[in-house]
Amino acid sequence: MDTTFFLFMIAGFLAQMVDGCIGMAYGVSSTSLLLSIGVPPAAASASVHTAEVFTTFVSGISHYKLKNIDKKLFSSLVIPGVVGGILGAFILTNIDTTIIKPIINVYLIAMGIRIIYKAFGKHSEKIAKKLEGIKLYILGVIGGFLDAIGGGGWGPVVTTTLVADGNTPRYVIGSVNASEFFVTVAQALTFVTIIGLSEYWKIILGLAVGGVLAAPFAAFLVKKITPKVMMILVGTVVAALNIRNIILMLI
């Protein structure tokens, strides 16, 4: 193996530590790295999601064992997320998505700021208090769709929205991470069917190995960090990542 493999492995480890702990940013950070070295958007998203099949499986199992998952929330997100993920993967491989990305960035900046604001107030211990039924299903579809389009977004969209609505970060993160496995499998299969991945095995393997090694540690940390600290971390990471994305677009 050459040094690029270990670079991808380190990137996968760091990205999964962040994702497993605050429920987002694995896809965003990994995809940003791939795009920066010239990997085409569709291939980058496909590689990241294929690697995430392994990392999200280990992450989901870890959260389950640590009792971070709410079954009702999990079941409400899985199928809508799969549908949105397949649709997004199909569109990404066929249509230019440069117009939608700035809109996503602005939305996520607003959500990040909202979470930081909420961190200093009271939040509910109940799951999906404000988003139930059809609204929760729609959130799952949108999250899966944007995740496939941008190479990452399931966590930033779904976790951010649920935490901002006052739900307990620990259970939101555990449930969103567990459901992400099924969404990722659907996306990866769609990408493989349309564009194939034989040329990107080194990227996929490096991201997967690093992410799998990090997942159990991240799931442990999420149980130890207080909701207030976690909400501040989530809000800061989301806002910072998307402000950076907008700045890069303007340069």
Protein backbone atom coordinates (compact mmCIF):
# COMPACT_ATOMS: atom_id res chain seq x y z
CA MET A 1 0.00 0.00 0.00
CA ASP A 2 1.32 3.50 -0.77
CA THR A 3 0.99 6.56 1.42
CA THR A 4 -2.28 7.69 -0.18
CA PHE A 5 -4.05 4.66 1.31
CA PHE A 6 -2.98 5.65 4.83
CA LEU A 7 -4.04 9.23 4.12
CA PHE A 8 -7.53 8.00 3.28
CA MET A 9 -7.49 5.76 6.37
CA ILE A 10 -6.59 8.67 8.66
CA ALA A 11 -9.27 10.80 7.01
CA GLY A 12 -11.81 8.03 7.58
CA PHE A 13 -10.81 7.67 11.25
CA LEU A 14 -11.05 11.39 12.02
CA ALA A 15 -14.28 11.82 10.07
CA GLN A 16 -15.95 8.91 11.87
CA MET A 17 -14.82 10.16 15.29
CA VAL A 18 -16.63 13.41 14.57
CA ASP A 19 -19.66 11.72 12.98
CA GLY A 20 -20.13 9.11 15.68
CA CYS A 21 -19.78 11.68 18.43
CA ILE A 22 -21.96 14.51 17.11
CA GLY A 23 -23.97 12.62 14.50
CA MET A 24 -22.66 14.27 11.35
CA ALA A 25 -19.78 15.39 9.11
CA TYR A 26 -18.28 12.05 8.00
CA GLY A 27 -19.55 12.43 4.46
CA VAL A 28 -19.00 16.18 4.33
CA SER A 29 -15.36 16.01 5.46
CA SER A 30 -14.50 12.89 3.46
CA THR A 31 -16.10 14.19 0.28
CA SER A 32 -14.33 17.55 0.66
CA LEU A 33 -10.99 15.72 0.76
CA LEU A 34 -11.76 13.68 -2.35
CA LEU A 35 -12.97 16.69 -4.31
CA SER A 36 -9.84 18.62 -3.36
CA ILE A 37 -7.62 16.02 -5.05
CA GLY A 38 -9.67 15.93 -8.23
CA VAL A 39 -12.13 13.08 -7.76
CA PRO A 40 -15.37 13.83 -9.71
CA PRO A 41 -18.42 14.68 -7.52
CA ALA A 42 -20.40 11.54 -8.38
CA ALA A 43 -17.37 9.28 -7.88
CA ALA A 44 -16.51 11.02 -4.59
CA SER A 45 -20.03 10.61 -3.23
CA ALA A 46 -20.12 7.01 -4.42
CA SER A 47 -16.78 6.18 -2.77
CA VAL A 48 -17.76 7.80 0.52
CA HIS A 49 -21.12 6.07 0.69
CA THR A 50 -19.65 2.70 -0.17
CA ALA A 51 -17.10 3.13 2.64
CA GLU A 52 -19.91 4.24 4.96
CA VAL A 53 -21.66 0.90 4.52
CA PHE A 54 -18.99 -0.52 6.84
CA THR A 55 -18.58 2.44 9.19
CA THR A 56 -22.31 3.01 9.70
CA PHE A 57 -22.84 -0.70 10.44
CA VAL A 58 -20.24 -0.67 13.21
CA SER A 59 -21.45 2.72 14.46
CA GLY A 60 -25.07 1.56 14.55
CA ILE A 61 -24.20 -1.61 16.47
CA SER A 62 -22.13 0.41 18.94
CA HIS A 63 -24.97 2.87 19.58
CA TYR A 64 -27.42 -0.04 19.99
CA LYS A 65 -25.25 -1.72 22.61
CA LEU A 66 -24.87 1.56 24.49
CA LYS A 67 -28.66 2.13 24.36
CA ASN A 68 -28.44 5.38 22.41
CA ILE A 69 -31.25 4.45 19.99
CA ASP A 70 -34.95 5.34 20.14
CA LYS A 71 -36.84 2.64 18.20
CA LYS A 72 -39.72 4.89 17.14
CA LEU A 73 -37.44 7.54 15.70
CA PHE A 74 -35.25 4.93 14.03
CA SER A 75 -38.16 3.20 12.31
CA SER A 76 -39.61 6.53 11.12
CA LEU A 77 -36.39 7.52 9.35
CA VAL A 78 -35.22 4.32 7.65
CA ILE A 79 -37.58 3.84 4.69
CA PRO A 80 -38.00 7.55 3.84
CA GLY A 81 -34.22 7.93 4.03
CA VAL A 82 -33.68 5.02 1.65
CA VAL A 83 -36.15 6.48 -0.87
CA GLY A 84 -34.53 9.91 -0.75
CA GLY A 85 -31.04 8.41 -0.99
CA ILE A 86 -31.81 6.41 -4.12
CA LEU A 87 -33.43 9.43 -5.78
CA GLY A 88 -30.50 11.68 -4.89
CA ALA A 89 -27.91 9.20 -6.16
CA PHE A 90 -29.76 8.89 -9.46
CA ILE A 91 -29.99 12.65 -9.92
CA LEU A 92 -26.33 13.25 -8.98
CA THR A 93 -25.16 10.93 -11.72
CA ASN A 94 -27.33 12.64 -14.33
CA ILE A 95 -27.82 16.34 -13.43
CA ASP A 96 -25.56 19.29 -12.47
CA THR A 97 -26.15 20.06 -8.77
CA THR A 98 -24.14 23.29 -8.36
CA ILE A 99 -27.28 25.41 -7.91
CA ILE A 100 -28.67 23.48 -4.95
CA LYS A 101 -25.46 23.35 -2.90
CA PRO A 102 -25.43 27.05 -1.80
CA ILE A 103 -29.05 26.71 -0.67
CA ILE A 104 -28.15 23.68 1.45
CA ASN A 105 -25.19 25.53 2.97
CA VAL A 106 -27.30 28.54 3.99
CA TYR A 107 -29.96 26.29 5.54
CA LEU A 108 -27.38 24.38 7.57
CA ILE A 109 -25.68 27.55 8.80
CA ALA A 110 -29.05 28.75 10.11
CA MET A 111 -29.68 25.39 11.78
CA GLY A 112 -26.22 25.40 13.36
CA ILE A 113 -26.80 28.84 14.86
CA ARG A 114 -30.21 27.72 16.10
CA ILE A 115 -28.72 24.71 17.87
CA ILE A 116 -26.11 26.85 19.65
CA TYR A 117 -28.92 29.16 20.80
CA LYS A 118 -30.98 26.20 22.04
CA ALA A 119 -27.97 24.80 23.93
CA PHE A 120 -28.31 27.60 26.46
CA GLY A 121 -32.02 26.96 27.06
CA LYS A 122 -34.12 24.00 28.17
CA HIS A 123 -34.53 20.96 25.92
CA SER A 124 -36.91 18.05 26.06
CA GLU A 125 -35.99 14.50 27.07
CA LYS A 126 -38.61 13.17 24.68
CA ILE A 127 -37.78 11.91 21.21
CA ALA A 128 -39.34 13.45 18.11
CA LYS A 129 -41.53 15.73 20.22
CA LYS A 130 -42.15 18.29 17.48
CA LEU A 131 -41.51 16.26 14.35
CA GLU A 132 -43.88 13.33 14.11
CA GLY A 133 -45.68 11.34 11.44
CA ILE A 134 -45.56 12.76 7.93
CA LYS A 135 -43.17 15.58 8.91
CA LEU A 136 -40.63 13.08 10.20
CA TYR A 137 -40.98 10.99 7.03
CA ILE A 138 -40.43 14.07 4.87
CA LEU A 139 -37.33 14.90 6.89
CA GLY A 140 -36.01 11.40 6.19
CA VAL A 141 -36.58 11.74 2.45
CA ILE A 142 -34.93 15.17 2.32
CA GLY A 143 -32.01 13.98 4.43
CA GLY A 144 -31.37 10.94 2.25
CA PHE A 145 -31.69 12.99 -0.93
CA LEU A 146 -29.30 15.75 0.14
CA ASP A 147 -26.86 13.19 1.54
CA ALA A 148 -26.54 11.52 -1.85
CA ILE A 149 -26.34 14.83 -3.73
CA GLY A 150 -23.61 16.37 -1.57
CA GLY A 151 -21.65 13.27 -0.51
CA GLY A 152 -22.78 13.99 3.04
CA GLY A 153 -25.83 15.53 4.66
CA TRP A 154 -27.83 12.81 6.41
CA GLY A 155 -26.39 13.86 9.76
CA PRO A 156 -26.32 17.62 9.17
CA VAL A 157 -29.91 17.71 7.90
CA VAL A 158 -31.64 15.08 10.06
CA THR A 159 -29.62 15.35 13.28
CA THR A 160 -29.48 19.13 13.11
CA THR A 161 -33.22 19.48 12.61
CA LEU A 162 -34.16 17.06 15.39
CA VAL A 163 -31.69 18.49 17.89
CA ALA A 164 -32.72 22.05 17.04
CA ASP A 165 -36.32 21.09 17.78
CA GLY A 166 -35.33 20.30 21.35
CA ASN A 167 -34.81 16.53 21.31
CA THR A 168 -32.10 14.90 23.42
CA PRO A 169 -28.87 14.83 21.36
CA ARG A 170 -27.74 11.41 22.63
CA TYR A 171 -30.82 9.58 21.34
CA VAL A 172 -31.11 11.61 18.17
CA ILE A 173 -27.48 10.90 17.25
CA GLY A 174 -27.78 7.19 18.05
CA SER A 175 -31.01 6.76 16.08
CA VAL A 176 -29.85 8.80 13.08
CA ASN A 177 -26.52 6.95 12.92
CA ALA A 178 -28.22 3.55 13.10
CA SER A 179 -30.72 4.38 10.34
CA GLU A 180 -27.90 5.78 8.21
CA PHE A 181 -26.59 2.26 7.56
CA PHE A 182 -29.67 1.32 5.55
CA VAL A 183 -29.71 4.65 3.72
CA THR A 184 -26.04 4.23 2.83
CA VAL A 185 -26.51 0.68 1.51
CA ALA A 186 -29.27 1.91 -0.82
CA GLN A 187 -27.14 4.80 -2.07
CA ALA A 188 -24.05 2.64 -2.62
CA LEU A 189 -26.01 0.05 -4.61
CA THR A 190 -27.48 2.80 -6.78
CA PHE A 191 -24.06 4.31 -7.49
CA VAL A 192 -22.51 0.90 -8.23
CA THR A 193 -25.31 0.11 -10.66
CA ILE A 194 -24.98 3.40 -12.55
CA ILE A 195 -21.25 4.29 -12.58
CA GLY A 196 -19.34 1.37 -11.01
CA LEU A 197 -16.53 1.74 -8.45
CA SER A 198 -13.67 -0.47 -9.63
CA GLU A 199 -11.33 2.51 -10.09
CA TYR A 200 -11.79 3.81 -6.54
CA TRP A 201 -11.20 0.73 -4.36
CA LYS A 202 -8.19 2.30 -2.57
CA ILE A 203 -10.25 5.31 -1.49
CA ILE A 204 -13.13 3.15 -0.33
CA LEU A 205 -10.94 0.72 1.60
CA GLY A 206 -8.94 3.47 3.31
CA LEU A 207 -12.04 5.37 4.42
CA ALA A 208 -13.75 2.18 5.57
CA VAL A 209 -10.84 0.86 7.63
CA GLY A 210 -10.27 4.19 9.36
CA GLY A 211 -13.97 4.68 10.03
CA VAL A 212 -14.52 1.18 11.43
CA LEU A 213 -11.61 1.62 13.85
CA ALA A 214 -13.04 4.90 15.12
CA ALA A 215 -16.75 4.00 15.41
CA PRO A 216 -16.73 2.22 18.82
CA PHE A 217 -14.72 5.04 20.44
CA ALA A 218 -17.08 7.69 19.08
CA ALA A 219 -20.18 5.83 20.31
CA PHE A 220 -18.65 5.67 23.79
CA LEU A 221 -17.90 9.40 23.83
CA VAL A 222 -21.45 10.36 22.83
CA LYS A 223 -22.73 8.69 26.02
CA LYS A 224 -20.33 10.66 28.19
CA ILE A 225 -20.71 14.16 26.77
CA THR A 226 -23.50 16.28 28.29
CA PRO A 227 -26.38 17.44 26.03
CA LYS A 228 -25.39 21.11 26.34
CA VAL A 229 -21.79 20.50 25.31
CA MET A 230 -22.92 18.21 22.50
CA MET A 231 -25.38 20.77 21.14
CA ILE A 232 -22.70 23.47 21.14
CA LEU A 233 -20.34 21.11 19.29
CA VAL A 234 -23.01 20.18 16.76
CA GLY A 235 -24.00 23.79 16.10
CA THR A 236 -20.42 25.00 15.81
CA VAL A 237 -19.33 22.22 13.45
CA VAL A 238 -22.37 22.62 11.19
CA ALA A 239 -22.09 26.41 10.96
CA ALA A 240 -18.31 26.38 10.46
CA LEU A 241 -18.31 23.70 7.77
CA ASN A 242 -20.97 25.43 5.72
CA ILE A 243 -19.55 28.93 6.10
CA ARG A 244 -16.31 27.46 4.77
CA ASN A 245 -18.15 25.90 1.83
CA ILE A 246 -19.75 29.22 0.88
CA ILE A 247 -16.41 31.05 1.14
CA LEU A 248 -14.80 28.49 -1.17
CA MET A 249 -17.60 29.01 -3.70
CA LEU A 250 -16.98 32.76 -3.71
CA ILE A 251 -13.22 32.56 -4.14
